[in-house]
Amino acid sequence: MLTNYIHVAMQKATYELLEDGTFYGEIPECPGVLANANTLEACREELQDALEGWIILGLRLGHNLPILDDIDLNNTKEVT
């Protein structure tokens, strides 16, 4: 379930080439999940790392995570 959630979230990511030549990425459905890197691939990797940390922290703190394509992580057991 977690792998599918990450996959779906990454499919929703948007990327932008900034004026300084770096790439900015974010997942609008996941507030605060963003990244900036010199290449698009590095930006994607950093964005996925940020997403994974955001999910783990959110679950540990009991935050309601967005439901993505009917994948609901909010009713899972606490991450230890």
Protein backbone atom coordinates (compact mmCIF):
# COMPACT_ATOMS: atom_id res chain seq x y z
CA MET A 1 0.00 0.00 0.00
CA LEU A 2 2.79 2.45 0.89
CA THR A 3 4.67 1.76 -2.34
CA ASN A 4 1.50 2.36 -4.35
CA TYR A 5 0.83 5.60 -2.46
CA ILE A 6 4.35 6.87 -3.23
CA HIS A 7 3.98 5.87 -6.88
CA VAL A 8 0.64 7.66 -7.23
CA ALA A 9 1.93 10.76 -5.45
CA MET A 10 4.99 10.94 -7.68
CA GLN A 11 2.72 10.70 -10.74
CA LYS A 12 1.01 13.87 -9.49
CA ALA A 13 4.30 15.78 -9.17
CA THR A 14 4.86 18.93 -11.18
CA TYR A 15 8.25 20.25 -12.24
CA GLU A 16 9.45 23.63 -13.39
CA LEU A 17 12.73 24.79 -14.89
CA LEU A 18 13.74 27.92 -12.98
CA GLU A 19 15.56 30.95 -14.38
CA ASP A 20 18.79 29.87 -12.67
CA GLY A 21 18.72 26.58 -14.61
CA THR A 22 17.71 24.40 -11.66
CA PHE A 23 14.57 22.32 -11.41
CA TYR A 24 11.82 22.80 -8.85
CA GLY A 25 9.34 20.03 -8.10
CA GLU A 26 6.34 19.71 -5.84
CA ILE A 27 3.37 17.47 -5.17
CA PRO A 28 0.40 19.83 -4.82
CA GLU A 29 -1.73 17.23 -3.03
CA CYS A 30 0.96 16.84 -0.35
CA PRO A 31 1.54 20.26 1.24
CA GLY A 32 5.18 21.04 1.91
CA VAL A 33 6.60 18.26 -0.27
CA LEU A 34 8.99 20.04 -2.61
CA ALA A 35 12.51 19.83 -3.96
CA ASN A 36 15.06 21.80 -5.95
CA ALA A 37 18.07 20.36 -7.78
CA ASN A 38 20.41 20.92 -10.71
CA THR A 39 18.89 18.20 -12.90
CA LEU A 40 15.37 16.91 -13.39
CA GLU A 41 16.36 13.41 -12.28
CA ALA A 42 18.01 14.71 -9.10
CA CYS A 43 14.96 16.83 -8.41
CA ARG A 44 12.71 13.78 -8.82
CA GLU A 45 14.88 11.76 -6.44
CA GLU A 46 14.94 14.55 -3.84
CA LEU A 47 11.18 14.96 -4.19
CA GLN A 48 10.61 11.27 -3.53
CA ASP A 49 12.91 11.41 -0.48
CA ALA A 50 10.95 14.41 0.82
CA LEU A 51 7.67 12.58 0.20
CA GLU A 52 8.81 9.48 2.07
CA GLY A 53 9.92 11.53 5.08
CA TRP A 54 6.68 13.53 4.98
CA ILE A 55 4.61 10.33 5.01
CA ILE A 56 6.56 8.76 7.89
CA LEU A 57 6.44 11.92 9.99
CA GLY A 58 2.76 12.44 9.23
CA LEU A 59 1.88 8.90 10.28
CA ARG A 60 3.95 9.13 13.46
CA LEU A 61 2.32 12.42 14.43
CA GLY A 62 -1.16 11.19 13.55
CA HIS A 63 -1.75 13.71 10.77
CA ASN A 64 -4.43 13.05 8.19
CA LEU A 65 -2.65 12.37 4.93
CA PRO A 66 -4.44 13.06 1.66
CA ILE A 67 -6.21 10.11 0.05
CA LEU A 68 -4.66 9.59 -3.37
CA ASP A 69 -6.51 7.51 -5.97
CA ASP A 70 -8.47 5.74 -3.20
CA ILE A 71 -5.28 4.86 -1.27
CA ASP A 72 -5.88 5.86 2.35
CA LEU A 73 -2.91 5.58 4.71
CA ASN A 74 -4.81 7.14 7.60
CA ASN A 75 -6.31 3.89 8.85
CA THR A 76 -3.05 1.96 9.05
CA LYS A 77 -1.29 1.05 12.27
CA GLU A 78 1.26 3.45 13.70
CA VAL A 79 4.71 3.38 12.14
CA THR A 80 7.38 2.38 14.67
